[in-house]
Amino acid sequence: MNSFRDGSLWEEVWQRRHSTISEGTLVGTNLVHTLGFYARNEPGLFRSFKKSAATLLSLPVFAVTDQYSRKVFNDLYFKRYKGVKEDRLRFLADDLFLSVLKPAVFPGAYELLEKSRSLGLRQVVVTGALDVSVKPLMEHLGIEEYVANRLEFR
């Protein structure tokens, strides 16, 4: 994190060497699209229907809590992954990328990334998504450094 917020020369140097990009600058999706994808791809028709319906019914709650508090939203959102196995998320990550994330990459994103690379800027993406979910997207975009949420599996 940048500790040079006093307008000093050091802040200017830091700003010129780093290009922090939020995921929303690159793709036109949100966390709920990912959750919906995982719900639709639950093993078994009944489980898939049940998770998809629960996700759909949660949309108004997600919208209200996101406006109220991002912490409350995150608490509710990430509880939806309870019981999901890590290897299942990893198994579906490439399909998620191909069917949801890649088609949602903004056309100008590639140009933005290329321009920042040509300026010699260090590219770091900050996202609220799961690390396992965005890894294929980051590889596709050629971004090596990113900050994402990580689930704890037991």
N, C-alpha and C. Protein backbone atom coordinates (compact mmCIF):
# COMPACT_ATOMS: atom_id res chain seq x y z
N MET A 1 0.84 -1.19 0.00
CA MET A 1 0.00 0.00 0.00
C MET A 1 0.88 1.25 0.00
N ASN A 2 0.45 2.25 -0.71
CA ASN A 2 1.21 3.48 -0.81
C ASN A 2 1.13 4.24 0.51
N SER A 3 2.28 4.58 1.05
CA SER A 3 2.31 5.36 2.28
C SER A 3 2.69 6.81 2.02
N PHE A 4 2.80 7.20 0.78
CA PHE A 4 3.21 8.55 0.41
C PHE A 4 2.00 9.37 -0.01
N ARG A 5 1.19 9.76 0.94
CA ARG A 5 -0.03 10.50 0.62
C ARG A 5 0.08 11.97 1.01
N ASP A 6 1.28 12.49 1.10
CA ASP A 6 1.47 13.87 1.52
C ASP A 6 1.73 14.82 0.35
N GLY A 7 1.61 14.33 -0.88
CA GLY A 7 1.84 15.17 -2.05
C GLY A 7 3.31 15.38 -2.34
N SER A 8 4.15 14.59 -1.73
CA SER A 8 5.59 14.77 -1.89
C SER A 8 6.07 14.24 -3.24
N LEU A 9 7.34 14.49 -3.50
CA LEU A 9 7.98 13.96 -4.69
C LEU A 9 7.92 12.44 -4.68
N TRP A 10 8.07 11.82 -3.50
CA TRP A 10 8.01 10.37 -3.41
C TRP A 10 6.67 9.83 -3.88
N GLU A 11 5.58 10.52 -3.55
CA GLU A 11 4.26 10.09 -4.01
C GLU A 11 4.19 10.14 -5.53
N GLU A 12 4.72 11.20 -6.11
CA GLU A 12 4.72 11.33 -7.57
C GLU A 12 5.52 10.20 -8.21
N VAL A 13 6.67 9.87 -7.65
CA VAL A 13 7.49 8.77 -8.16
C VAL A 13 6.73 7.46 -8.06
N TRP A 14 6.10 7.22 -6.90
CA TRP A 14 5.33 5.99 -6.70
C TRP A 14 4.22 5.88 -7.74
N GLN A 15 3.49 6.98 -7.93
CA GLN A 15 2.37 6.99 -8.88
C GLN A 15 2.84 6.69 -10.30
N ARG A 16 3.99 7.16 -10.68
CA ARG A 16 4.49 6.94 -12.03
C ARG A 16 4.96 5.51 -12.25
N ARG A 17 5.31 4.80 -11.21
CA ARG A 17 5.83 3.44 -11.34
C ARG A 17 4.74 2.38 -11.16
N HIS A 18 3.59 2.75 -10.68
CA HIS A 18 2.53 1.78 -10.39
C HIS A 18 1.25 2.15 -11.12
N SER A 19 0.55 1.14 -11.57
CA SER A 19 -0.76 1.33 -12.19
C SER A 19 -1.72 0.37 -11.52
N THR A 20 -2.42 0.85 -10.50
CA THR A 20 -3.38 0.01 -9.80
C THR A 20 -4.70 0.07 -10.54
N ILE A 21 -5.22 -1.09 -10.89
CA ILE A 21 -6.42 -1.18 -11.70
C ILE A 21 -7.44 -2.01 -10.95
N SER A 22 -8.64 -1.50 -10.78
CA SER A 22 -9.68 -2.32 -10.17
C SER A 22 -10.29 -3.19 -11.26
N GLU A 23 -10.77 -4.36 -10.85
CA GLU A 23 -11.30 -5.30 -11.83
C GLU A 23 -12.45 -4.69 -12.63
N GLY A 24 -13.24 -3.82 -12.00
CA GLY A 24 -14.37 -3.18 -12.69
C GLY A 24 -13.95 -2.31 -13.86
N THR A 25 -12.69 -1.94 -13.94
CA THR A 25 -12.16 -1.18 -15.07
C THR A 25 -11.95 -2.08 -16.27
N LEU A 26 -11.82 -3.38 -16.02
CA LEU A 26 -11.46 -4.33 -17.07
C LEU A 26 -12.63 -5.15 -17.58
N VAL A 27 -13.54 -5.52 -16.69
CA VAL A 27 -14.66 -6.40 -17.07
C VAL A 27 -15.99 -5.85 -16.57
N GLY A 28 -17.03 -6.16 -17.31
CA GLY A 28 -18.37 -5.69 -16.97
C GLY A 28 -19.18 -6.75 -16.24
N THR A 29 -18.60 -7.38 -15.25
CA THR A 29 -19.33 -8.35 -14.44
C THR A 29 -19.18 -7.95 -12.98
N ASN A 30 -19.88 -8.68 -12.12
CA ASN A 30 -19.71 -8.46 -10.69
C ASN A 30 -19.68 -9.81 -9.98
N LEU A 31 -19.55 -9.77 -8.68
CA LEU A 31 -19.43 -11.00 -7.90
C LEU A 31 -20.63 -11.93 -8.06
N VAL A 32 -21.80 -11.35 -8.24
CA VAL A 32 -23.02 -12.17 -8.33
C VAL A 32 -23.04 -12.99 -9.62
N HIS A 33 -22.46 -12.49 -10.70
CA HIS A 33 -22.36 -13.28 -11.93
C HIS A 33 -21.57 -14.56 -11.67
N THR A 34 -20.48 -14.43 -10.93
CA THR A 34 -19.64 -15.59 -10.61
C THR A 34 -20.41 -16.57 -9.73
N LEU A 35 -21.08 -16.05 -8.72
CA LEU A 35 -21.87 -16.90 -7.82
C LEU A 35 -22.96 -17.63 -8.60
N GLY A 36 -23.61 -16.94 -9.52
CA GLY A 36 -24.63 -17.57 -10.36
C GLY A 36 -24.05 -18.67 -11.23
N PHE A 37 -22.88 -18.44 -11.77
CA PHE A 37 -22.23 -19.47 -12.59
C PHE A 37 -21.96 -20.72 -11.76
N TYR A 38 -21.39 -20.54 -10.59
CA TYR A 38 -21.10 -21.70 -9.74
C TYR A 38 -22.39 -22.41 -9.32
N ALA A 39 -23.44 -21.65 -9.05
CA ALA A 39 -24.73 -22.25 -8.67
C ALA A 39 -25.29 -23.10 -9.82
N ARG A 40 -25.25 -22.58 -11.04
CA ARG A 40 -25.75 -23.32 -12.20
C ARG A 40 -24.94 -24.58 -12.48
N ASN A 41 -23.71 -24.59 -12.04
CA ASN A 41 -22.83 -25.72 -12.31
C ASN A 41 -22.64 -26.64 -11.11
N GLU A 42 -23.56 -26.56 -10.16
CA GLU A 42 -23.53 -27.52 -9.05
C GLU A 42 -23.80 -28.91 -9.61
N PRO A 43 -23.16 -29.93 -9.04
CA PRO A 43 -23.43 -31.29 -9.52
C PRO A 43 -24.85 -31.70 -9.14
N GLY A 44 -25.56 -32.23 -10.08
CA GLY A 44 -26.93 -32.69 -9.84
C GLY A 44 -27.95 -31.60 -10.15
N LEU A 45 -29.01 -32.00 -10.80
CA LEU A 45 -30.06 -31.07 -11.22
C LEU A 45 -30.71 -30.37 -10.03
N PHE A 46 -31.04 -31.14 -8.99
CA PHE A 46 -31.72 -30.57 -7.83
C PHE A 46 -30.83 -29.54 -7.13
N ARG A 47 -29.57 -29.88 -6.89
CA ARG A 47 -28.65 -28.95 -6.22
C ARG A 47 -28.43 -27.71 -7.06
N SER A 48 -28.30 -27.88 -8.36
CA SER A 48 -28.12 -26.74 -9.26
C SER A 48 -29.34 -25.81 -9.21
N PHE A 49 -30.52 -26.40 -9.26
CA PHE A 49 -31.75 -25.61 -9.21
C PHE A 49 -31.87 -24.89 -7.87
N LYS A 50 -31.60 -25.61 -6.79
CA LYS A 50 -31.71 -25.04 -5.45
C LYS A 50 -30.74 -23.87 -5.25
N LYS A 51 -29.48 -24.05 -5.64
CA LYS A 51 -28.49 -22.97 -5.49
C LYS A 51 -28.80 -21.80 -6.41
N SER A 52 -29.23 -22.08 -7.63
CA SER A 52 -29.57 -21.01 -8.58
C SER A 52 -30.75 -20.19 -8.07
N ALA A 53 -31.78 -20.88 -7.56
CA ALA A 53 -32.96 -20.19 -7.02
C ALA A 53 -32.57 -19.33 -5.81
N ALA A 54 -31.73 -19.89 -4.93
CA ALA A 54 -31.30 -19.14 -3.75
C ALA A 54 -30.51 -17.90 -4.17
N THR A 55 -29.67 -18.03 -5.18
CA THR A 55 -28.90 -16.89 -5.66
C THR A 55 -29.82 -15.83 -6.25
N LEU A 56 -30.77 -16.27 -7.06
CA LEU A 56 -31.72 -15.34 -7.68
C LEU A 56 -32.53 -14.60 -6.62
N LEU A 57 -33.00 -15.34 -5.63
CA LEU A 57 -33.80 -14.72 -4.56
C LEU A 57 -32.96 -13.79 -3.68
N SER A 58 -31.66 -13.97 -3.68
CA SER A 58 -30.77 -13.15 -2.86
C SER A 58 -30.41 -11.82 -3.52
N LEU A 59 -30.70 -11.66 -4.79
CA LEU A 59 -30.29 -10.45 -5.50
C LEU A 59 -30.74 -9.16 -4.82
N PRO A 60 -32.03 -9.04 -4.42
CA PRO A 60 -32.42 -7.79 -3.74
C PRO A 60 -31.67 -7.58 -2.42
N VAL A 61 -31.43 -8.65 -1.69
CA VAL A 61 -30.69 -8.55 -0.43
C VAL A 61 -29.26 -8.10 -0.70
N PHE A 62 -28.64 -8.68 -1.71
CA PHE A 62 -27.28 -8.27 -2.07
C PHE A 62 -27.25 -6.79 -2.45
N ALA A 63 -28.21 -6.35 -3.23
CA ALA A 63 -28.24 -4.95 -3.68
C ALA A 63 -28.37 -3.99 -2.49
N VAL A 64 -29.27 -4.31 -1.57
CA VAL A 64 -29.49 -3.43 -0.42
C VAL A 64 -28.27 -3.43 0.50
N THR A 65 -27.74 -4.62 0.79
CA THR A 65 -26.59 -4.67 1.71
C THR A 65 -25.35 -4.04 1.10
N ASP A 66 -25.18 -4.14 -0.21
CA ASP A 66 -24.03 -3.52 -0.84
C ASP A 66 -24.10 -1.99 -0.72
N GLN A 67 -25.31 -1.44 -0.80
CA GLN A 67 -25.48 0.00 -0.61
C GLN A 67 -25.26 0.40 0.84
N TYR A 68 -25.66 -0.47 1.76
CA TYR A 68 -25.55 -0.18 3.19
C TYR A 68 -24.12 -0.34 3.70
N SER A 69 -23.52 -1.49 3.41
CA SER A 69 -22.19 -1.77 3.94
C SER A 69 -21.53 -2.87 3.12
N ARG A 70 -20.35 -2.59 2.62
CA ARG A 70 -19.63 -3.61 1.84
C ARG A 70 -19.25 -4.79 2.72
N LYS A 71 -18.98 -4.54 4.00
CA LYS A 71 -18.64 -5.63 4.92
C LYS A 71 -19.83 -6.57 5.09
N VAL A 72 -21.01 -6.02 5.29
CA VAL A 72 -22.21 -6.85 5.44
C VAL A 72 -22.45 -7.63 4.15
N PHE A 73 -22.30 -6.95 3.00
CA PHE A 73 -22.45 -7.63 1.72
C PHE A 73 -21.48 -8.80 1.62
N ASN A 74 -20.20 -8.54 1.91
CA ASN A 74 -19.19 -9.60 1.82
C ASN A 74 -19.51 -10.76 2.74
N ASP A 75 -19.95 -10.47 3.96
CA ASP A 75 -20.31 -11.54 4.89
C ASP A 75 -21.42 -12.42 4.32
N LEU A 76 -22.45 -11.79 3.78
CA LEU A 76 -23.57 -12.55 3.19
C LEU A 76 -23.14 -13.29 1.92
N TYR A 77 -22.41 -12.59 1.09
CA TYR A 77 -22.00 -13.16 -0.19
C TYR A 77 -21.11 -14.39 -0.01
N PHE A 78 -20.06 -14.27 0.77
CA PHE A 78 -19.10 -15.36 0.89
C PHE A 78 -19.65 -16.55 1.69
N LYS A 79 -20.70 -16.34 2.46
CA LYS A 79 -21.36 -17.47 3.13
C LYS A 79 -22.01 -18.41 2.10
N ARG A 80 -22.30 -17.89 0.93
CA ARG A 80 -22.90 -18.71 -0.14
C ARG A 80 -21.94 -19.80 -0.63
N TYR A 81 -20.68 -19.66 -0.33
CA TYR A 81 -19.69 -20.66 -0.75
C TYR A 81 -19.49 -21.76 0.30
N LYS A 82 -20.22 -21.67 1.39
CA LYS A 82 -20.08 -22.69 2.44
C LYS A 82 -20.40 -24.08 1.87
N GLY A 83 -19.50 -25.01 2.13
CA GLY A 83 -19.68 -26.37 1.66
C GLY A 83 -19.12 -26.65 0.28
N VAL A 84 -18.72 -25.61 -0.44
CA VAL A 84 -18.15 -25.80 -1.78
C VAL A 84 -16.70 -26.23 -1.61
N LYS A 85 -16.30 -27.20 -2.36
CA LYS A 85 -14.93 -27.72 -2.29
C LYS A 85 -14.00 -26.88 -3.16
N GLU A 86 -12.79 -26.69 -2.66
CA GLU A 86 -11.80 -25.90 -3.38
C GLU A 86 -11.51 -26.49 -4.76
N ASP A 87 -11.39 -27.81 -4.84
CA ASP A 87 -11.09 -28.41 -6.14
C ASP A 87 -12.23 -28.23 -7.13
N ARG A 88 -13.46 -28.11 -6.65
CA ARG A 88 -14.61 -27.84 -7.53
C ARG A 88 -14.48 -26.44 -8.15
N LEU A 89 -14.12 -25.47 -7.33
CA LEU A 89 -13.95 -24.10 -7.83
C LEU A 89 -12.81 -24.04 -8.84
N ARG A 90 -11.73 -24.74 -8.54
CA ARG A 90 -10.59 -24.76 -9.47
C ARG A 90 -10.97 -25.46 -10.78
N PHE A 91 -11.73 -26.54 -10.67
CA PHE A 91 -12.17 -27.29 -11.85
C PHE A 91 -13.01 -26.41 -12.77
N LEU A 92 -13.85 -25.55 -12.19
CA LEU A 92 -14.76 -24.72 -12.98
C LEU A 92 -14.16 -23.37 -13.39
N ALA A 93 -12.99 -23.03 -12.89
CA ALA A 93 -12.42 -21.70 -13.13
C ALA A 93 -12.24 -21.39 -14.61
N ASP A 94 -11.75 -22.34 -15.39
CA ASP A 94 -11.56 -22.08 -16.83
C ASP A 94 -12.89 -21.91 -17.55
N ASP A 95 -13.90 -22.71 -17.18
CA ASP A 95 -15.23 -22.54 -17.78
C ASP A 95 -15.83 -21.19 -17.41
N LEU A 96 -15.65 -20.78 -16.16
CA LEU A 96 -16.12 -19.47 -15.72
C LEU A 96 -15.47 -18.38 -16.57
N PHE A 97 -14.17 -18.49 -16.76
CA PHE A 97 -13.45 -17.52 -17.57
C PHE A 97 -14.00 -17.47 -18.99
N LEU A 98 -14.12 -18.63 -19.62
CA LEU A 98 -14.54 -18.68 -21.03
C LEU A 98 -15.98 -18.23 -21.24
N SER A 99 -16.88 -18.58 -20.32
CA SER A 99 -18.29 -18.29 -20.55
C SER A 99 -18.79 -17.00 -19.91
N VAL A 100 -18.11 -16.51 -18.86
CA VAL A 100 -18.60 -15.32 -18.15
C VAL A 100 -17.61 -14.16 -18.22
N LEU A 101 -16.38 -14.41 -17.83
CA LEU A 101 -15.43 -13.30 -17.68
C LEU A 101 -14.84 -12.81 -19.00
N LYS A 102 -14.37 -13.70 -19.84
CA LYS A 102 -13.75 -13.27 -21.10
C LYS A 102 -14.71 -12.49 -21.99
N PRO A 103 -15.97 -12.94 -22.14
CA PRO A 103 -16.90 -12.14 -22.97
C PRO A 103 -17.22 -10.77 -22.35
N ALA A 104 -16.97 -10.61 -21.06
CA ALA A 104 -17.29 -9.35 -20.39
C ALA A 104 -16.11 -8.38 -20.32
N VAL A 105 -14.95 -8.78 -20.86
CA VAL A 105 -13.80 -7.86 -20.87
C VAL A 105 -14.15 -6.67 -21.76
N PHE A 106 -14.02 -5.50 -21.20
CA PHE A 106 -14.30 -4.29 -21.97
C PHE A 106 -13.31 -4.19 -23.14
N PRO A 107 -13.79 -3.81 -24.33
CA PRO A 107 -12.88 -3.69 -25.48
C PRO A 107 -11.69 -2.77 -25.20
N GLY A 108 -11.89 -1.72 -24.46
CA GLY A 108 -10.82 -0.78 -24.16
C GLY A 108 -9.83 -1.28 -23.12
N ALA A 109 -10.14 -2.40 -22.48
CA ALA A 109 -9.26 -2.92 -21.42
C ALA A 109 -7.90 -3.31 -21.97
N TYR A 110 -7.90 -3.97 -23.12
CA TYR A 110 -6.64 -4.40 -23.72
C TYR A 110 -5.76 -3.19 -24.05
N GLU A 111 -6.38 -2.15 -24.58
CA GLU A 111 -5.66 -0.93 -24.92
C GLU A 111 -5.13 -0.24 -23.66
N LEU A 112 -5.95 -0.20 -22.61
CA LEU A 112 -5.53 0.40 -21.35
C LEU A 112 -4.31 -0.33 -20.79
N LEU A 113 -4.36 -1.64 -20.79
CA LEU A 113 -3.24 -2.43 -20.27
C LEU A 113 -1.98 -2.24 -21.12
N GLU A 114 -2.15 -2.26 -22.42
CA GLU A 114 -1.00 -2.08 -23.31
C GLU A 114 -0.37 -0.71 -23.12
N LYS A 115 -1.20 0.31 -22.98
CA LYS A 115 -0.70 1.67 -22.77
C LYS A 115 0.08 1.76 -21.46
N SER A 116 -0.45 1.19 -20.40
CA SER A 116 0.26 1.26 -19.12
C SER A 116 1.56 0.45 -19.16
N ARG A 117 1.56 -0.66 -19.91
CA ARG A 117 2.80 -1.43 -20.08
C ARG A 117 3.85 -0.61 -20.85
N SER A 118 3.39 0.06 -21.90
CA SER A 118 4.33 0.85 -22.71
C SER A 118 4.93 2.00 -21.93
N LEU A 119 4.23 2.46 -20.90
CA LEU A 119 4.73 3.53 -20.04
C LEU A 119 5.64 2.99 -18.94
N GLY A 120 5.76 1.66 -18.90
CA GLY A 120 6.62 1.03 -17.88
C GLY A 120 5.99 0.96 -16.51
N LEU A 121 4.67 1.05 -16.47
CA LEU A 121 3.99 1.01 -15.18
C LEU A 121 3.83 -0.43 -14.68
N ARG A 122 3.94 -0.60 -13.40
CA ARG A 122 3.70 -1.89 -12.75
C ARG A 122 2.19 -2.05 -12.62
N GLN A 123 1.64 -3.12 -13.14
CA GLN A 123 0.20 -3.33 -13.13
C GLN A 123 -0.20 -4.24 -11.98
N VAL A 124 -1.13 -3.74 -11.16
CA VAL A 124 -1.66 -4.49 -10.04
C VAL A 124 -3.18 -4.36 -10.10
N VAL A 125 -3.88 -5.48 -10.12
CA VAL A 125 -5.34 -5.46 -10.13
C VAL A 125 -5.84 -5.75 -8.72
N VAL A 126 -6.82 -4.97 -8.29
CA VAL A 126 -7.47 -5.17 -7.00
C VAL A 126 -8.92 -5.54 -7.28
N THR A 127 -9.35 -6.69 -6.74
CA THR A 127 -10.70 -7.18 -7.00
C THR A 127 -11.30 -7.80 -5.74
N GLY A 128 -12.61 -7.75 -5.66
CA GLY A 128 -13.31 -8.39 -4.56
C GLY A 128 -13.63 -9.85 -4.87
N ALA A 129 -13.30 -10.29 -6.06
CA ALA A 129 -13.59 -11.67 -6.48
C ALA A 129 -12.63 -12.65 -5.82
N LEU A 130 -12.96 -13.93 -5.98
CA LEU A 130 -12.10 -14.98 -5.44
C LEU A 130 -10.86 -15.16 -6.30
N ASP A 131 -9.74 -15.41 -5.65
CA ASP A 131 -8.48 -15.59 -6.37
C ASP A 131 -8.58 -16.73 -7.39
N VAL A 132 -9.19 -17.81 -7.02
CA VAL A 132 -9.31 -18.96 -7.92
C VAL A 132 -10.16 -18.62 -9.14
N SER A 133 -11.12 -17.74 -8.96
CA SER A 133 -12.02 -17.35 -10.06
C SER A 133 -11.36 -16.41 -11.06
N VAL A 134 -10.51 -15.52 -10.57
CA VAL A 134 -9.92 -14.52 -11.47
C VAL A 134 -8.56 -14.91 -12.02
N LYS A 135 -7.98 -15.98 -11.53
CA LYS A 135 -6.65 -16.38 -12.01
C LYS A 135 -6.60 -16.55 -13.53
N PRO A 136 -7.55 -17.27 -14.16
CA PRO A 136 -7.49 -17.38 -15.62
C PRO A 136 -7.63 -16.03 -16.34
N LEU A 137 -8.41 -15.13 -15.79
CA LEU A 137 -8.56 -13.80 -16.39
C LEU A 137 -7.25 -13.03 -16.31
N MET A 138 -6.61 -13.09 -15.16
CA MET A 138 -5.33 -12.39 -15.00
C MET A 138 -4.28 -12.95 -15.95
N GLU A 139 -4.26 -14.27 -16.11
CA GLU A 139 -3.32 -14.88 -17.06
C GLU A 139 -3.61 -14.42 -18.48
N HIS A 140 -4.89 -14.37 -18.85
CA HIS A 140 -5.30 -13.93 -20.18
C HIS A 140 -4.86 -12.49 -20.45
N LEU A 141 -4.98 -11.65 -19.44
CA LEU A 141 -4.64 -10.24 -19.60
C LEU A 141 -3.15 -9.97 -19.39
N GLY A 142 -2.41 -10.98 -18.99
CA GLY A 142 -0.97 -10.81 -18.78
C GLY A 142 -0.63 -10.06 -17.50
N ILE A 143 -1.50 -10.16 -16.52
CA ILE A 143 -1.29 -9.47 -15.25
C ILE A 143 -0.77 -10.48 -14.23
N GLU A 144 0.39 -10.20 -13.70
CA GLU A 144 1.02 -11.12 -12.77
C GLU A 144 0.69 -10.81 -11.32
N GLU A 145 0.39 -9.56 -11.02
CA GLU A 145 0.12 -9.16 -9.65
C GLU A 145 -1.35 -8.76 -9.49
N TYR A 146 -2.01 -9.42 -8.55
CA TYR A 146 -3.38 -9.05 -8.25
C TYR A 146 -3.71 -9.37 -6.81
N VAL A 147 -4.66 -8.63 -6.28
CA VAL A 147 -5.13 -8.81 -4.91
C VAL A 147 -6.58 -9.25 -5.01
N ALA A 148 -6.89 -10.42 -4.44
CA ALA A 148 -8.25 -10.97 -4.51
C ALA A 148 -8.58 -11.63 -3.18
N ASN A 149 -9.85 -11.92 -2.99
CA ASN A 149 -10.27 -12.65 -1.80
C ASN A 149 -9.89 -14.11 -1.91
N ARG A 150 -9.64 -14.70 -0.78
CA ARG A 150 -9.29 -16.12 -0.73
C ARG A 150 -10.15 -16.79 0.33
N LEU A 151 -10.78 -17.88 -0.06
CA LEU A 151 -11.58 -18.63 0.90
C LEU A 151 -10.69 -19.53 1.74
N GLU A 152 -11.14 -19.80 2.94
CA GLU A 152 -10.45 -20.73 3.82
C GLU A 152 -11.18 -22.06 3.73
N PHE A 153 -10.49 -23.10 3.32
CA PHE A 153 -11.11 -24.42 3.17
C PHE A 153 -10.66 -25.32 4.31
N ARG A 154 -11.61 -26.10 4.83
CA ARG A 154 -11.29 -27.02 5.94
C ARG A 154 -11.65 -28.42 5.57
